Amino acid sequence: QVQLVESGGDLVQAGGSLRLSCATSGNIFSINVMAWYRQAPGKQRELVASITNGWNTNYADSAKGRFTISRDNAKKTLNLQMNSLKPEDTAVYYCNLVQEGVHYWGKGTLVTVSS
């Protein structure tokens, strides 16, 4: 069983920064893809950024230049550094792990950016 637990969500003013973390436990394989998704009120869940076990990254256009995804394979953690936050970044942020075609999700952490 794989478990993902997000932390770091908070209320922050526009222009501020936050660092989200995702702790993993369970049967984590060495080959996988981890990602951050977000879901704003009334909107569909969308990909923010992803990173492979080989540290290849991919970002949504909205995140490029402002967010940085990273992972520690030894500690089995995933992070998202978010800078220059905007009110439109307000959402619940979810940690995602894909291994052997199976998606695992955390319960999410709320990020609120005030204007």
PDB file of N, CA and C in Angstrom:
ATOM      1  N   GLN A   1       0.835  -1.193   0.000  1.00  0.00           N
ATOM      2  CA  GLN A   1       0.000   0.000   0.000  1.00  0.00           C
ATOM      3  C   GLN A   1       0.875   1.250   0.000  1.00  0.00           C
ATOM      4  N   VAL A   2       0.559   2.172  -0.881  1.00  0.00           N
ATOM      5  CA  VAL A   2       1.304   3.418  -0.989  1.00  0.00           C
ATOM      6  C   VAL A   2       0.499   4.537  -0.344  1.00  0.00           C
ATOM      7  N   GLN A   3       1.159   5.339   0.459  1.00  0.00           N
ATOM      8  CA  GLN A   3       0.513   6.498   1.063  1.00  0.00           C
ATOM      9  C   GLN A   3       1.288   7.763   0.741  1.00  0.00           C
ATOM     10  N   LEU A   4       0.557   8.815   0.436  1.00  0.00           N
ATOM     11  CA  LEU A   4       1.136  10.116   0.144  1.00  0.00           C
ATOM     12  C   LEU A   4       0.504  11.138   1.076  1.00  0.00           C
ATOM     13  N   VAL A   5       1.330  11.945   1.719  1.00  0.00           N
ATOM     14  CA  VAL A   5       0.821  12.941   2.646  1.00  0.00           C
ATOM     15  C   VAL A   5       1.453  14.292   2.318  1.00  0.00           C
ATOM     16  N   GLU A   6       0.597  15.228   1.931  1.00  0.00           N
ATOM     17  CA  GLU A   6       1.074  16.560   1.581  1.00  0.00           C
ATOM     18  C   GLU A   6       1.118  17.462   2.814  1.00  0.00           C
ATOM     19  N   SER A   7       1.982  18.456   2.752  1.00  0.00           N
ATOM     20  CA  SER A   7       2.042  19.477   3.792  1.00  0.00           C
ATOM     21  C   SER A   7       2.571  20.764   3.179  1.00  0.00           C
ATOM     22  N   GLY A   8       2.401  21.859   3.920  1.00  0.00           N
ATOM     23  CA  GLY A   8       2.957  23.134   3.491  1.00  0.00           C
ATOM     24  C   GLY A   8       1.954  24.141   2.963  1.00  0.00           C
ATOM     25  N   GLY A   9       0.714  23.712   2.741  1.00  0.00           N
ATOM     26  CA  GLY A   9      -0.284  24.665   2.276  1.00  0.00           C
ATOM     27  C   GLY A   9      -0.573  25.729   3.328  1.00  0.00           C
ATOM     28  N   ASP A  10      -0.901  26.928   2.850  1.00  0.00           N
ATOM     29  CA  ASP A  10      -1.113  28.034   3.788  1.00  0.00           C
ATOM     30  C   ASP A  10      -1.786  29.186   3.068  1.00  0.00           C
ATOM     31  N   LEU A  11      -2.095  30.215   3.838  1.00  0.00           N
ATOM     32  CA  LEU A  11      -2.594  31.470   3.285  1.00  0.00           C
ATOM     33  C   LEU A  11      -1.397  32.393   3.100  1.00  0.00           C
ATOM     34  N   VAL A  12      -1.249  32.934   1.892  1.00  0.00           N
ATOM     35  CA  VAL A  12      -0.103  33.791   1.600  1.00  0.00           C
ATOM     36  C   VAL A  12      -0.565  34.940   0.721  1.00  0.00           C
ATOM     37  N   GLN A  13       0.112  36.063   0.827  1.00  0.00           N
ATOM     38  CA  GLN A  13      -0.218  37.205  -0.018  1.00  0.00           C
ATOM     39  C   GLN A  13       0.364  37.034  -1.418  1.00  0.00           C
ATOM     40  N   ALA A  14      -0.270  37.676  -2.364  1.00  0.00           N
ATOM     41  CA  ALA A  14       0.246  37.653  -3.729  1.00  0.00           C
ATOM     42  C   ALA A  14       1.693  38.137  -3.752  1.00  0.00           C
ATOM     43  N   GLY A  15       2.513  37.436  -4.531  1.00  0.00           N
ATOM     44  CA  GLY A  15       3.927  37.748  -4.591  1.00  0.00           C
ATOM     45  C   GLY A  15       4.765  36.944  -3.622  1.00  0.00           C
ATOM     46  N   GLY A  16       4.110  36.273  -2.709  1.00  0.00           N
ATOM     47  CA  GLY A  16       4.820  35.479  -1.711  1.00  0.00           C
ATOM     48  C   GLY A  16       5.229  34.107  -2.224  1.00  0.00           C
ATOM     49  N   SER A  17       5.798  33.323  -1.312  1.00  0.00           N
ATOM     50  CA  SER A  17       6.312  31.998  -1.654  1.00  0.00           C
ATOM     51  C   SER A  17       5.804  30.954  -0.671  1.00  0.00           C
ATOM     52  N   LEU A  18       5.708  29.736  -1.157  1.00  0.00           N
ATOM     53  CA  LEU A  18       5.393  28.580  -0.315  1.00  0.00           C
ATOM     54  C   LEU A  18       6.169  27.386  -0.822  1.00  0.00           C
ATOM     55  N   ARG A  19       6.439  26.470   0.089  1.00  0.00           N
ATOM     56  CA  ARG A  19       7.083  25.213  -0.291  1.00  0.00           C
ATOM     57  C   ARG A  19       6.194  24.067   0.170  1.00  0.00           C
ATOM     58  N   LEU A  20       5.718  23.304  -0.784  1.00  0.00           N
ATOM     59  CA  LEU A  20       4.907  22.135  -0.479  1.00  0.00           C
ATOM     60  C   LEU A  20       5.799  20.897  -0.437  1.00  0.00           C
ATOM     61  N   SER A  21       5.436  19.984   0.443  1.00  0.00           N
ATOM     62  CA  SER A  21       6.159  18.723   0.533  1.00  0.00           C
ATOM     63  C   SER A  21       5.179  17.558   0.501  1.00  0.00           C
ATOM     64  N   CYS A  22       5.668  16.439   0.031  1.00  0.00           N
ATOM     65  CA  CYS A  22       4.876  15.215  -0.009  1.00  0.00           C
ATOM     66  C   CYS A  22       5.738  14.085   0.518  1.00  0.00           C
ATOM     67  N   ALA A  23       5.291  13.501   1.607  1.00  0.00           N
ATOM     68  CA  ALA A  23       5.987  12.362   2.186  1.00  0.00           C
ATOM     69  C   ALA A  23       5.326  11.086   1.690  1.00  0.00           C
ATOM     70  N   THR A  24       6.145  10.135   1.302  1.00  0.00           N
ATOM     71  CA  THR A  24       5.601   8.880   0.791  1.00  0.00           C
ATOM     72  C   THR A  24       5.973   7.728   1.721  1.00  0.00           C
ATOM     73  N   SER A  25       5.162   6.713   1.704  1.00  0.00           N
ATOM     74  CA  SER A  25       5.458   5.506   2.462  1.00  0.00           C
ATOM     75  C   SER A  25       4.826   4.329   1.738  1.00  0.00           C
ATOM     76  N   GLY A  26       5.287   3.149   2.108  1.00  0.00           N
ATOM     77  CA  GLY A  26       4.763   1.956   1.472  1.00  0.00           C
ATOM     78  C   GLY A  26       5.711   1.421   0.427  1.00  0.00           C
ATOM     79  N   ASN A  27       5.157   0.679  -0.492  1.00  0.00           N
ATOM     80  CA  ASN A  27       5.945  -0.013  -1.500  1.00  0.00           C
ATOM     81  C   ASN A  27       6.220   0.918  -2.681  1.00  0.00           C
ATOM     82  N   ILE A  28       7.248   1.742  -2.543  1.00  0.00           N
ATOM     83  CA  ILE A  28       7.623   2.693  -3.590  1.00  0.00           C
ATOM     84  C   ILE A  28       8.712   2.069  -4.440  1.00  0.00           C
ATOM     85  N   PHE A  29       8.456   1.959  -5.736  1.00  0.00           N
ATOM     86  CA  PHE A  29       9.440   1.379  -6.633  1.00  0.00           C
ATOM     87  C   PHE A  29      10.456   2.432  -7.058  1.00  0.00           C
ATOM     88  N   SER A  30      11.581   1.988  -7.552  1.00  0.00           N
ATOM     89  CA  SER A  30      12.630   2.918  -7.949  1.00  0.00           C
ATOM     90  C   SER A  30      12.277   3.653  -9.238  1.00  0.00           C
ATOM     91  N   ILE A  31      11.446   3.048 -10.065  1.00  0.00           N
ATOM     92  CA  ILE A  31      11.044   3.676 -11.327  1.00  0.00           C
ATOM     93  C   ILE A  31       9.613   4.176 -11.185  1.00  0.00           C
ATOM     94  N   ASN A  32       9.452   5.493 -11.223  1.00  0.00           N
ATOM     95  CA  ASN A  32       8.120   6.064 -11.104  1.00  0.00           C
ATOM     96  C   ASN A  32       8.147   7.518 -11.561  1.00  0.00           C
ATOM     97  N   VAL A  33       6.985   8.085 -11.632  1.00  0.00           N
ATOM     98  CA  VAL A  33       6.837   9.509 -11.929  1.00  0.00           C
ATOM     99  C   VAL A  33       6.030  10.125 -10.801  1.00  0.00           C
ATOM    100  N   MET A  34       6.505  11.250 -10.313  1.00  0.00           N
ATOM    101  CA  MET A  34       5.771  11.963  -9.260  1.00  0.00           C
ATOM    102  C   MET A  34       5.362  13.323  -9.791  1.00  0.00           C
ATOM    103  N   ALA A  35       4.283  13.825  -9.272  1.00  0.00           N
ATOM    104  CA  ALA A  35       3.759  15.076  -9.811  1.00  0.00           C
ATOM    105  C   ALA A  35       2.936  15.820  -8.768  1.00  0.00           C
ATOM    106  N   TRP A  36       2.750  17.087  -9.027  1.00  0.00           N
ATOM    107  CA  TRP A  36       1.811  17.916  -8.288  1.00  0.00           C
ATOM    108  C   TRP A  36       0.680  18.303  -9.234  1.00  0.00           C
ATOM    109  N   TYR A  37      -0.515  18.111  -8.750  1.00  0.00           N
ATOM    110  CA  TYR A  37      -1.714  18.576  -9.435  1.00  0.00           C
ATOM    111  C   TYR A  37      -2.402  19.594  -8.528  1.00  0.00           C
ATOM    112  N   ARG A  38      -3.300  20.351  -9.101  1.00  0.00           N
ATOM    113  CA  ARG A  38      -4.101  21.254  -8.287  1.00  0.00           C
ATOM    114  C   ARG A  38      -5.528  21.327  -8.811  1.00  0.00           C
ATOM    115  N   GLN A  39      -6.414  21.655  -7.899  1.00  0.00           N
ATOM    116  CA  GLN A  39      -7.821  21.804  -8.270  1.00  0.00           C
ATOM    117  C   GLN A  39      -8.386  23.030  -7.581  1.00  0.00           C
ATOM    118  N   ALA A  40      -8.751  24.003  -8.389  1.00  0.00           N
ATOM    119  CA  ALA A  40      -9.355  25.228  -7.880  1.00  0.00           C
ATOM    120  C   ALA A  40     -10.867  25.024  -7.775  1.00  0.00           C
ATOM    121  N   PRO A  41     -11.530  25.804  -6.943  1.00  0.00           N
ATOM    122  CA  PRO A  41     -12.987  25.654  -6.799  1.00  0.00           C
ATOM    123  C   PRO A  41     -13.707  25.773  -8.142  1.00  0.00           C
ATOM    124  N   GLY A  42     -14.534  24.799  -8.439  1.00  0.00           N
ATOM    125  CA  GLY A  42     -15.313  24.824  -9.660  1.00  0.00           C
ATOM    126  C   GLY A  42     -14.550  24.458 -10.916  1.00  0.00           C
ATOM    127  N   LYS A  43     -13.310  24.034 -10.757  1.00  0.00           N
ATOM    128  CA  LYS A  43     -12.500  23.688 -11.926  1.00  0.00           C
ATOM    129  C   LYS A  43     -12.021  22.251 -11.844  1.00  0.00           C
ATOM    130  N   GLN A  44     -11.563  21.740 -12.984  1.00  0.00           N
ATOM    131  CA  GLN A  44     -11.030  20.392 -13.020  1.00  0.00           C
ATOM    132  C   GLN A  44      -9.614  20.361 -12.459  1.00  0.00           C
ATOM    133  N   ARG A  45      -9.231  19.207 -11.981  1.00  0.00           N
ATOM    134  CA  ARG A  45      -7.868  19.021 -11.508  1.00  0.00           C
ATOM    135  C   ARG A  45      -6.905  19.140 -12.692  1.00  0.00           C
ATOM    136  N   GLU A  46      -5.798  19.843 -12.480  1.00  0.00           N
ATOM    137  CA  GLU A  46      -4.842  20.043 -13.564  1.00  0.00           C
ATOM    138  C   GLU A  46      -3.425  19.765 -13.092  1.00  0.00           C
ATOM    139  N   LEU A  47      -2.600  19.346 -14.023  1.00  0.00           N
ATOM    140  CA  LEU A  47      -1.202  19.081 -13.730  1.00  0.00           C
ATOM    141  C   LEU A  47      -0.456  20.398 -13.538  1.00  0.00           C
ATOM    142  N   VAL A  48       0.335  20.462 -12.495  1.00  0.00           N
ATOM    143  CA  VAL A  48       1.182  21.630 -12.242  1.00  0.00           C
ATOM    144  C   VAL A  48       2.609  21.336 -12.703  1.00  0.00           C
ATOM    145  N   ALA A  49       3.152  20.212 -12.249  1.00  0.00           N
ATOM    146  CA  ALA A  49       4.517  19.846 -12.602  1.00  0.00           C
ATOM    147  C   ALA A  49       4.717  18.365 -12.309  1.00  0.00           C
ATOM    148  N   SER A  50       5.640  17.757 -13.063  1.00  0.00           N
ATOM    149  CA  SER A  50       5.955  16.351 -12.841  1.00  0.00           C
ATOM    150  C   SER A  50       7.454  16.154 -12.913  1.00  0.00           C
ATOM    151  N   ILE A  51       7.908  15.038 -12.323  1.00  0.00           N
ATOM    152  CA  ILE A  51       9.331  14.734 -12.315  1.00  0.00           C
ATOM    153  C   ILE A  51       9.499  13.224 -12.296  1.00  0.00           C
ATOM    154  N   THR A  52      10.388  12.722 -13.141  1.00  0.00           N
ATOM    155  CA  THR A  52      10.639  11.292 -13.173  1.00  0.00           C
ATOM    156  C   THR A  52      11.704  10.925 -12.138  1.00  0.00           C
ATOM    157  N   ASN A  53      11.913   9.636 -11.964  1.00  0.00           N
ATOM    158  CA  ASN A  53      12.945   9.201 -11.032  1.00  0.00           C
ATOM    159  C   ASN A  53      14.330   9.610 -11.536  1.00  0.00           C
ATOM    160  N   GLY A  54      14.427   9.941 -12.823  1.00  0.00           N
ATOM    161  CA  GLY A  54      15.683  10.423 -13.389  1.00  0.00           C
ATOM    162  C   GLY A  54      15.773  11.937 -13.425  1.00  0.00           C
ATOM    163  N   TRP A  55      14.856  12.577 -12.716  1.00  0.00           N
ATOM    164  CA  TRP A  55      14.837  14.031 -12.541  1.00  0.00           C
ATOM    165  C   TRP A  55      14.489  14.804 -13.812  1.00  0.00           C
ATOM    166  N   ASN A  56      13.842  14.164 -14.761  1.00  0.00           N
ATOM    167  CA  ASN A  56      13.298  14.895 -15.904  1.00  0.00           C
ATOM    168  C   ASN A  56      12.019  15.581 -15.465  1.00  0.00           C
ATOM    169  N   THR A  57      11.916  16.872 -15.741  1.00  0.00           N
ATOM    170  CA  THR A  57      10.777  17.646 -15.255  1.00  0.00           C
ATOM    171  C   THR A  57       9.905  18.166 -16.388  1.00  0.00           C
ATOM    172  N   ASN A  58       8.661  18.417 -16.034  1.00  0.00           N
ATOM    173  CA  ASN A  58       7.710  18.992 -16.977  1.00  0.00           C
ATOM    174  C   ASN A  58       6.818  19.941 -16.187  1.00  0.00           C
ATOM    175  N   TYR A  59       6.549  21.121 -16.746  1.00  0.00           N
ATOM    176  CA  TYR A  59       5.751  22.122 -16.049  1.00  0.00           C
ATOM    177  C   TYR A  59       4.584  22.592 -16.903  1.00  0.00           C
ATOM    178  N   ALA A  60       3.487  22.889 -16.248  1.00  0.00           N
ATOM    179  CA  ALA A  60       2.404  23.592 -16.917  1.00  0.00           C
ATOM    180  C   ALA A  60       2.883  25.001 -17.246  1.00  0.00           C
ATOM    181  N   ASP A  61       2.319  25.570 -18.288  1.00  0.00           N
ATOM    182  CA  ASP A  61       2.731  26.920 -18.683  1.00  0.00           C
ATOM    183  C   ASP A  61       2.556  27.906 -17.528  1.00  0.00           C
ATOM    184  N   SER A  62       1.518  27.714 -16.744  1.00  0.00           N
ATOM    185  CA  SER A  62       1.233  28.628 -15.637  1.00  0.00           C
ATOM    186  C   SER A  62       2.285  28.546 -14.534  1.00  0.00           C
ATOM    187  N   ALA A  63       3.041  27.451 -14.498  1.00  0.00           N
ATOM    188  CA  ALA A  63       4.032  27.239 -13.450  1.00  0.00           C
ATOM    189  C   ALA A  63       5.462  27.554 -13.888  1.00  0.00           C
ATOM    190  N   LYS A  64       5.671  27.598 -15.159  1.00  0.00           N
ATOM    191  CA  LYS A  64       7.031  27.811 -15.674  1.00  0.00           C
ATOM    192  C   LYS A  64       7.609  29.137 -15.190  1.00  0.00           C
ATOM    193  N   GLY A  65       8.835  29.071 -14.693  1.00  0.00           N
ATOM    194  CA  GLY A  65       9.515  30.272 -14.232  1.00  0.00           C
ATOM    195  C   GLY A  65       9.193  30.686 -12.816  1.00  0.00           C
ATOM    196  N   ARG A  66       8.145  30.082 -12.242  1.00  0.00           N
ATOM    197  CA  ARG A  66       7.750  30.449 -10.871  1.00  0.00           C
ATOM    198  C   ARG A  66       7.848  29.278  -9.908  1.00  0.00           C
ATOM    199  N   PHE A  67       7.545  28.072 -10.395  1.00  0.00           N
ATOM    200  CA  PHE A  67       7.531  26.891  -9.542  1.00  0.00           C
ATOM    201  C   PHE A  67       8.699  25.974  -9.894  1.00  0.00           C
ATOM    202  N   THR A  68       9.197  25.277  -8.876  1.00  0.00           N
ATOM    203  CA  THR A  68      10.257  24.302  -9.089  1.00  0.00           C
ATOM    204  C   THR A  68       9.897  23.004  -8.376  1.00  0.00           C
ATOM    205  N   ILE A  69       9.841  21.928  -9.125  1.00  0.00           N
ATOM    206  CA  ILE A  69       9.560  20.619  -8.549  1.00  0.00           C
ATOM    207  C   ILE A  69      10.877  19.898  -8.304  1.00  0.00           C
ATOM    208  N   SER A  70      10.949  19.171  -7.202  1.00  0.00           N
ATOM    209  CA  SER A  70      12.159  18.413  -6.895  1.00  0.00           C
ATOM    210  C   SER A  70      11.765  17.172  -6.099  1.00  0.00           C
ATOM    211  N   ARG A  71      12.668  16.224  -6.067  1.00  0.00           N
ATOM    212  CA  ARG A  71      12.419  14.996  -5.329  1.00  0.00           C
ATOM    213  C   ARG A  71      13.711  14.507  -4.708  1.00  0.00           C
ATOM    214  N   ASP A  72      13.549  13.792  -3.604  1.00  0.00           N
ATOM    215  CA  ASP A  72      14.674  13.149  -2.941  1.00  0.00           C
ATOM    216  C   ASP A  72      14.383  11.659  -2.972  1.00  0.00           C
ATOM    217  N   ASN A  73      15.061  10.952  -3.850  1.00  0.00           N
ATOM    218  CA  ASN A  73      14.769   9.526  -4.019  1.00  0.00           C
ATOM    219  C   ASN A  73      15.129   8.711  -2.779  1.00  0.00           C
ATOM    220  N   ALA A  74      16.155   9.137  -2.089  1.00  0.00           N
ATOM    221  CA  ALA A  74      16.561   8.416  -0.887  1.00  0.00           C
ATOM    222  C   ALA A  74      15.520   8.569   0.222  1.00  0.00           C
ATOM    223  N   LYS A  75      15.012   9.792   0.378  1.00  0.00           N
ATOM    224  CA  LYS A  75      14.015  10.063   1.417  1.00  0.00           C
ATOM    225  C   LYS A  75      12.590   9.808   0.919  1.00  0.00           C
ATOM    226  N   LYS A  76      12.467   9.576  -0.403  1.00  0.00           N
ATOM    227  CA  LYS A  76      11.156   9.331  -1.018  1.00  0.00           C
ATOM    228  C   LYS A  76      10.192  10.475  -0.742  1.00  0.00           C
ATOM    229  N   THR A  77      10.666  11.676  -0.969  1.00  0.00           N
ATOM    230  CA  THR A  77       9.838  12.866  -0.795  1.00  0.00           C
ATOM    231  C   THR A  77       9.790  13.668  -2.085  1.00  0.00           C
ATOM    232  N   LEU A  78       8.738  14.441  -2.197  1.00  0.00           N
ATOM    233  CA  LEU A  78       8.518  15.302  -3.347  1.00  0.00           C
ATOM    234  C   LEU A  78       8.255  16.705  -2.833  1.00  0.00           C
ATOM    235  N   ASN A  79       8.811  17.692  -3.524  1.00  0.00           N
ATOM    236  CA  ASN A  79       8.625  19.072  -3.100  1.00  0.00           C
ATOM    237  C   ASN A  79       8.189  19.956  -4.264  1.00  0.00           C
ATOM    238  N   LEU A  80       7.574  21.064  -3.911  1.00  0.00           N
ATOM    239  CA  LEU A  80       7.219  22.063  -4.913  1.00  0.00           C
ATOM    240  C   LEU A  80       7.485  23.435  -4.303  1.00  0.00           C
ATOM    241  N   GLN A  81       8.487  24.107  -4.832  1.00  0.00           N
ATOM    242  CA  GLN A  81       8.775  25.473  -4.418  1.00  0.00           C
ATOM    243  C   GLN A  81       7.982  26.409  -5.304  1.00  0.00           C
ATOM    244  N   MET A  82       7.146  27.226  -4.687  1.00  0.00           N
ATOM    245  CA  MET A  82       6.294  28.135  -5.436  1.00  0.00           C
ATOM    246  C   MET A  82       6.638  29.565  -5.084  1.00  0.00           C
ATOM    247  N   ASN A  83       7.067  30.310  -6.067  1.00  0.00           N
ATOM    248  CA  ASN A  83       7.421  31.716  -5.886  1.00  0.00           C
ATOM    249  C   ASN A  83       6.486  32.604  -6.704  1.00  0.00           C
ATOM    250  N   SER A  84       6.494  33.882  -6.372  1.00  0.00           N
ATOM    251  CA  SER A  84       5.675  34.856  -7.102  1.00  0.00           C
ATOM    252  C   SER A  84       4.233  34.383  -7.237  1.00  0.00           C
ATOM    253  N   LEU A  85       3.678  33.957  -6.129  1.00  0.00           N
ATOM    254  CA  LEU A  85       2.332  33.392  -6.153  1.00  0.00           C
ATOM    255  C   LEU A  85       1.290  34.437  -6.540  1.00  0.00           C
ATOM    256  N   LYS A  86       0.273  33.955  -7.243  1.00  0.00           N
ATOM    257  CA  LYS A  86      -0.808  34.809  -7.727  1.00  0.00           C
ATOM    258  C   LYS A  86      -2.133  34.304  -7.159  1.00  0.00           C
ATOM    259  N   PRO A  87      -3.140  35.156  -7.072  1.00  0.00           N
ATOM    260  CA  PRO A  87      -4.449  34.686  -6.575  1.00  0.00           C
ATOM    261  C   PRO A  87      -4.979  33.492  -7.372  1.00  0.00           C
ATOM    262  N   GLU A  88      -4.673  33.436  -8.655  1.00  0.00           N
ATOM    263  CA  GLU A  88      -5.148  32.312  -9.470  1.00  0.00           C
ATOM    264  C   GLU A  88      -4.435  30.996  -9.164  1.00  0.00           C
ATOM    265  N   ASP A  89      -3.433  31.027  -8.307  1.00  0.00           N
ATOM    266  CA  ASP A  89      -2.782  29.797  -7.848  1.00  0.00           C
ATOM    267  C   ASP A  89      -3.550  29.165  -6.692  1.00  0.00           C
ATOM    268  N   THR A  90      -4.560  29.858  -6.199  1.00  0.00           N
ATOM    269  CA  THR A  90      -5.362  29.317  -5.105  1.00  0.00           C
ATOM    270  C   THR A  90      -6.025  28.013  -5.528  1.00  0.00           C
ATOM    271  N   ALA A  91      -5.781  26.965  -4.748  1.00  0.00           N
ATOM    272  CA  ALA A  91      -6.293  25.637  -5.083  1.00  0.00           C
ATOM    273  C   ALA A  91      -5.884  24.643  -4.003  1.00  0.00           C
ATOM    274  N   VAL A  92      -6.461  23.473  -4.087  1.00  0.00           N
ATOM    275  CA  VAL A  92      -5.961  22.341  -3.308  1.00  0.00           C
ATOM    276  C   VAL A  92      -4.903  21.652  -4.170  1.00  0.00           C
ATOM    277  N   TYR A  93      -3.742  21.460  -3.600  1.00  0.00           N
ATOM    278  CA  TYR A  93      -2.621  20.857  -4.327  1.00  0.00           C
ATOM    279  C   TYR A  93      -2.479  19.399  -3.892  1.00  0.00           C
ATOM    280  N   TYR A  94      -2.404  18.537  -4.883  1.00  0.00           N
ATOM    281  CA  TYR A  94      -2.341  17.102  -4.638  1.00  0.00           C
ATOM    282  C   TYR A  94      -1.017  16.520  -5.114  1.00  0.00           C
ATOM    283  N   CYS A  95      -0.482  15.636  -4.310  1.00  0.00           N
ATOM    284  CA  CYS A  95       0.693  14.858  -4.672  1.00  0.00           C
ATOM    285  C   CYS A  95       0.223  13.610  -5.410  1.00  0.00           C
ATOM    286  N   ASN A  96       0.942  13.260  -6.455  1.00  0.00           N
ATOM    287  CA  ASN A  96       0.581  12.104  -7.288  1.00  0.00           C
ATOM    288  C   ASN A  96       1.816  11.271  -7.559  1.00  0.00           C
ATOM    289  N   LEU A  97       1.628   9.963  -7.508  1.00  0.00           N
ATOM    290  CA  LEU A  97       2.701   9.018  -7.817  1.00  0.00           C
ATOM    291  C   LEU A  97       2.156   7.998  -8.803  1.00  0.00           C
ATOM    292  N   VAL A  98       2.898   7.758  -9.859  1.00  0.00           N
ATOM    293  CA  VAL A  98       2.505   6.737 -10.833  1.00  0.00           C
ATOM    294  C   VAL A  98       3.623   5.710 -10.930  1.00  0.00           C
ATOM    295  N   GLN A  99       3.290   4.470 -10.660  1.00  0.00           N
ATOM    296  CA  GLN A  99       4.236   3.385 -10.840  1.00  0.00           C
ATOM    297  C   GLN A  99       3.507   2.164 -11.341  1.00  0.00           C
ATOM    298  N   GLU A 100       4.095   1.537 -12.337  1.00  0.00           N
ATOM    299  CA  GLU A 100       3.493   0.379 -12.987  1.00  0.00           C
ATOM    300  C   GLU A 100       2.053   0.667 -13.430  1.00  0.00           C
ATOM    301  N   GLY A 101       1.841   1.879 -13.907  1.00  0.00           N
ATOM    302  CA  GLY A 101       0.545   2.244 -14.451  1.00  0.00           C
ATOM    303  C   GLY A 101      -0.523   2.565 -13.436  1.00  0.00           C
ATOM    304  N   VAL A 102      -0.188   2.521 -12.165  1.00  0.00           N
ATOM    305  CA  VAL A 102      -1.164   2.788 -11.109  1.00  0.00           C
ATOM    306  C   VAL A 102      -0.920   4.176 -10.541  1.00  0.00           C
ATOM    307  N   HIS A 103      -2.006   4.945 -10.421  1.00  0.00           N
ATOM    308  CA  HIS A 103      -1.935   6.283  -9.847  1.00  0.00           C
ATOM    309  C   HIS A 103      -2.276   6.224  -8.360  1.00  0.00           C
ATOM    310  N   TYR A 104      -1.470   6.931  -7.584  1.00  0.00           N
ATOM    311  CA  TYR A 104      -1.737   7.092  -6.160  1.00  0.00           C
ATOM    312  C   TYR A 104      -1.847   8.584  -5.872  1.00  0.00           C
ATOM    313  N   TRP A 105      -2.754   8.919  -4.934  1.00  0.00           N
ATOM    314  CA  TRP A 105      -3.004  10.332  -4.641  1.00  0.00           C
ATOM    315  C   TRP A 105      -2.968  10.591  -3.147  1.00  0.00           C
ATOM    316  N   GLY A 106      -2.496  11.776  -2.787  1.00  0.00           N
ATOM    317  CA  GLY A 106      -2.644  12.237  -1.427  1.00  0.00           C
ATOM    318  C   GLY A 106      -3.999  12.915  -1.266  1.00  0.00           C
ATOM    319  N   LYS A 107      -4.261  13.383  -0.051  1.00  0.00           N
ATOM    320  CA  LYS A 107      -5.552  14.019   0.226  1.00  0.00           C
ATOM    321  C   LYS A 107      -5.546  15.509  -0.078  1.00  0.00           C
ATOM    322  N   GLY A 108      -4.386  16.061  -0.314  1.00  0.00           N
ATOM    323  CA  GLY A 108      -4.286  17.450  -0.729  1.00  0.00           C
ATOM    324  C   GLY A 108      -3.953  18.413   0.388  1.00  0.00           C
ATOM    325  N   THR A 109      -3.408  19.555   0.001  1.00  0.00           N
ATOM    326  CA  THR A 109      -3.118  20.632   0.936  1.00  0.00           C
ATOM    327  C   THR A 109      -3.574  21.937   0.294  1.00  0.00           C
ATOM    328  N   LEU A 110      -4.224  22.783   1.077  1.00  0.00           N
ATOM    329  CA  LEU A 110      -4.850  23.989   0.537  1.00  0.00           C
ATOM    330  C   LEU A 110      -3.871  25.152   0.496  1.00  0.00           C
ATOM    331  N   VAL A 111      -3.787  25.746  -0.676  1.00  0.00           N
ATOM    332  CA  VAL A 111      -3.003  26.969  -0.868  1.00  0.00           C
ATOM    333  C   VAL A 111      -3.972  28.092  -1.213  1.00  0.00           C
ATOM    334  N   THR A 112      -3.924  29.148  -0.429  1.00  0.00           N
ATOM    335  CA  THR A 112      -4.777  30.307  -0.680  1.00  0.00           C
ATOM    336  C   THR A 112      -3.895  31.535  -0.844  1.00  0.00           C
ATOM    337  N   VAL A 113      -4.045  32.200  -1.962  1.00  0.00           N
ATOM    338  CA  VAL A 113      -3.245  33.390  -2.253  1.00  0.00           C
ATOM    339  C   VAL A 113      -4.182  34.595  -2.279  1.00  0.00           C
ATOM    340  N   SER A 114      -3.950  35.511  -1.371  1.00  0.00           N
ATOM    341  CA  SER A 114      -4.797  36.710  -1.287  1.00  0.00           C
ATOM    342  C   SER A 114      -4.200  37.840  -2.129  1.00  0.00           C
ATOM    343  N   SER A 115      -5.088  38.666  -2.635  1.00  0.00           N
ATOM    344  CA  SER A 115      -4.631  39.772  -3.495  1.00  0.00           C
ATOM    345  C   SER A 115      -4.360  41.020  -2.690  1.00  0.00           C
TER     346      SER A 115
END
